[in-house]
């Protein structure tokens, strides 16, 4: 593992251990409990992935952006491992994602979060100004 001395964010999927990401998401992330390893892989394959690493190159968090690189991006699966929380990794990850997406000139970057509003506000996110203009469709689970 290459030593960087300071924590850093990378979009290099080859650096991100998806087995670790799967363990985190499927066992500890309220929105992804029970998610299969195959689903984690498929989501990663179709997303812009971000890993946040400590100075020794160990993965401390993960996130991904689903985007058309023109108008909109949706952030999903933003996660920092419990032992790394409160140490700046979440903010570094969020800022890294915003910085990588900035050159595309997107009209909107969106996310849903229950608990981290303050963190995302630090990198420029605000609550929806017209939430009544937005809708969501939650399709039923496919039957076997």
Protein backbone atom coordinates (compact mmCIF):
# COMPACT_ATOMS: atom_id res chain seq x y z
CA UNK A 1 0.00 0.00 0.00
CA UNK A 2 1.38 3.38 -1.01
CA UNK A 3 1.91 5.83 1.86
CA UNK A 4 0.33 9.26 1.36
CA UNK A 5 0.91 10.60 4.90
CA UNK A 6 -2.42 12.48 4.86
CA UNK A 7 -5.93 11.17 4.31
CA UNK A 8 -7.10 11.40 0.70
CA UNK A 9 -10.01 10.66 -1.63
CA UNK A 10 -9.68 8.57 -4.78
CA UNK A 11 -12.03 7.61 -7.60
CA UNK A 12 -9.80 4.66 -8.56
CA UNK A 13 -12.12 1.67 -8.14
CA UNK A 14 -9.14 -0.70 -8.12
CA UNK A 15 -8.13 0.83 -4.77
CA UNK A 16 -11.57 0.28 -3.21
CA UNK A 17 -12.09 -3.13 -1.62
CA UNK A 18 -15.71 -3.87 -2.49
CA UNK A 19 -15.75 -6.84 -0.12
CA UNK A 20 -15.15 -4.36 2.71
CA UNK A 21 -17.74 -1.96 1.27
CA UNK A 22 -20.25 -4.82 1.05
CA UNK A 23 -19.62 -5.76 4.69
CA UNK A 24 -20.10 -2.15 5.80
CA UNK A 25 -23.25 -1.53 3.80
CA UNK A 26 -24.99 -4.87 4.26
CA UNK A 27 -24.42 -5.04 8.01
CA UNK A 28 -24.29 -1.43 9.27
CA UNK A 29 -25.89 1.01 6.80
CA UNK A 30 -29.62 1.39 7.59
CA UNK A 31 -30.46 1.94 3.91
CA UNK A 32 -28.56 -1.12 2.63
CA UNK A 33 -28.96 -3.82 5.27
CA UNK A 34 -28.81 -7.22 3.65
CA UNK A 35 -27.64 -5.93 0.26
CA UNK A 36 -25.91 -8.69 -1.67
CA UNK A 37 -22.28 -8.59 -2.75
CA UNK A 38 -23.47 -8.82 -6.35
CA UNK A 39 -25.68 -5.74 -5.90
CA UNK A 40 -22.73 -3.79 -4.46
CA UNK A 41 -20.62 -4.78 -7.46
CA UNK A 42 -23.33 -3.86 -9.97
CA UNK A 43 -23.90 -0.49 -8.32
CA UNK A 44 -20.15 0.21 -8.33
CA UNK A 45 -19.84 -0.81 -11.98
CA UNK A 46 -22.46 1.77 -12.97
CA UNK A 47 -21.36 4.64 -10.73
CA UNK A 48 -18.52 7.06 -10.14
CA UNK A 49 -16.96 5.60 -6.98
CA UNK A 50 -15.11 7.37 -4.20
CA UNK A 51 -12.95 5.94 -1.46
CA UNK A 52 -11.62 7.93 1.46
CA UNK A 53 -8.32 6.58 2.77
CA UNK A 54 -6.15 7.27 5.79
CA UNK A 55 -2.52 8.35 5.41
CA UNK A 56 -1.37 4.75 5.17
CA UNK A 57 -3.80 3.99 2.35
CA UNK A 58 -6.38 2.04 4.38
CA UNK A 59 -9.98 2.43 3.20
CA UNK A 60 -12.01 4.36 5.80
CA UNK A 61 -15.13 5.23 3.84
CA UNK A 62 -16.94 4.95 0.54
CA UNK A 63 -19.49 6.76 -1.57
CA UNK A 64 -20.71 6.83 -5.13
CA UNK A 65 -22.30 9.25 -7.55
CA UNK A 66 -24.86 8.23 -10.12
CA UNK A 67 -24.62 10.87 -12.84
CA UNK A 68 -25.11 11.78 -16.48
CA UNK A 69 -22.08 14.14 -16.16
CA UNK A 70 -24.19 16.94 -17.64
CA UNK A 71 -27.20 17.87 -15.51
CA UNK A 72 -27.53 15.91 -12.30
CA UNK A 73 -25.82 13.58 -9.85
CA UNK A 74 -27.31 11.55 -7.03
CA UNK A 75 -24.99 10.63 -4.18
CA UNK A 76 -25.58 7.23 -2.62
CA UNK A 77 -24.05 4.76 -0.21
CA UNK A 78 -22.00 7.43 1.57
CA UNK A 79 -20.46 5.57 4.49
CA UNK A 80 -17.58 6.03 6.94
CA UNK A 81 -16.52 3.08 9.04
CA UNK A 82 -17.45 3.46 12.73
CA UNK A 83 -13.86 3.64 14.03
CA UNK A 84 -13.12 6.53 11.65
CA UNK A 85 -16.20 8.64 12.41
CA UNK A 86 -15.66 12.02 14.02
CA UNK A 87 -12.15 12.25 12.58
CA UNK A 88 -12.87 14.28 9.44
CA UNK A 89 -13.20 11.43 6.95
CA UNK A 90 -16.86 12.15 6.21
CA UNK A 91 -16.16 15.80 5.46
CA UNK A 92 -13.13 14.89 3.36
CA UNK A 93 -15.22 12.38 1.40
CA UNK A 94 -18.10 14.82 0.85
CA UNK A 95 -15.76 17.63 -0.23
CA UNK A 96 -13.85 15.25 -2.48
CA UNK A 97 -17.05 14.19 -4.22
CA UNK A 98 -18.14 17.80 -4.73
CA UNK A 99 -14.68 18.73 -6.03
CA UNK A 100 -14.59 15.88 -8.55
CA UNK A 101 -18.09 16.70 -9.83
CA UNK A 102 -17.52 20.49 -10.00
CA UNK A 103 -15.86 20.61 -13.47
CA UNK A 104 -18.91 19.01 -15.07
CA UNK A 105 -21.08 22.05 -14.36
CA UNK A 106 -23.98 19.97 -13.05
CA UNK A 107 -27.23 21.81 -12.36
CA UNK A 108 -27.90 19.76 -9.23
CA UNK A 109 -26.19 17.28 -6.90
CA UNK A 110 -28.64 15.52 -4.62
CA UNK A 111 -28.58 13.10 -1.72
CA UNK A 112 -30.83 11.78 1.00
CA UNK A 113 -29.61 11.57 4.58
CA UNK A 114 -31.21 11.06 7.96
CA UNK A 115 -28.44 12.20 10.25
CA UNK A 116 -25.66 14.11 8.48
CA UNK A 117 -27.30 17.36 7.39
CA UNK A 118 -24.70 19.48 9.19
CA UNK A 119 -21.83 17.71 7.47
CA UNK A 120 -23.29 18.17 4.00
CA UNK A 121 -24.14 21.82 4.69
CA UNK A 122 -20.39 22.41 5.23
CA UNK A 123 -19.76 21.54 1.57
CA UNK A 124 -22.68 23.57 0.23
CA UNK A 125 -25.76 21.33 0.38
CA UNK A 126 -29.06 22.90 1.43
CA UNK A 127 -32.51 21.43 2.05
CA UNK A 128 -34.80 21.30 -0.98
CA UNK A 129 -36.39 24.72 -1.40
CA UNK A 130 -39.49 23.17 -2.98
CA UNK A 131 -39.79 19.62 -1.67
CA UNK A 132 -43.39 19.51 -2.88
CA UNK A 133 -42.01 19.56 -6.46
CA UNK A 134 -40.23 16.23 -5.97
CA UNK A 135 -41.66 12.76 -6.07
CA UNK A 136 -40.27 9.27 -5.64
CA UNK A 137 -41.34 5.90 -6.97
CA UNK A 138 -40.43 2.88 -4.88
CA UNK A 139 -41.20 -0.10 -7.11
CA UNK A 140 -42.14 -3.39 -5.49
CA UNK A 141 -39.35 -5.92 -5.15
CA UNK A 142 -39.11 -8.24 -8.15
CA UNK A 143 -40.69 -11.63 -7.67
CA UNK A 144 -38.68 -14.76 -8.28
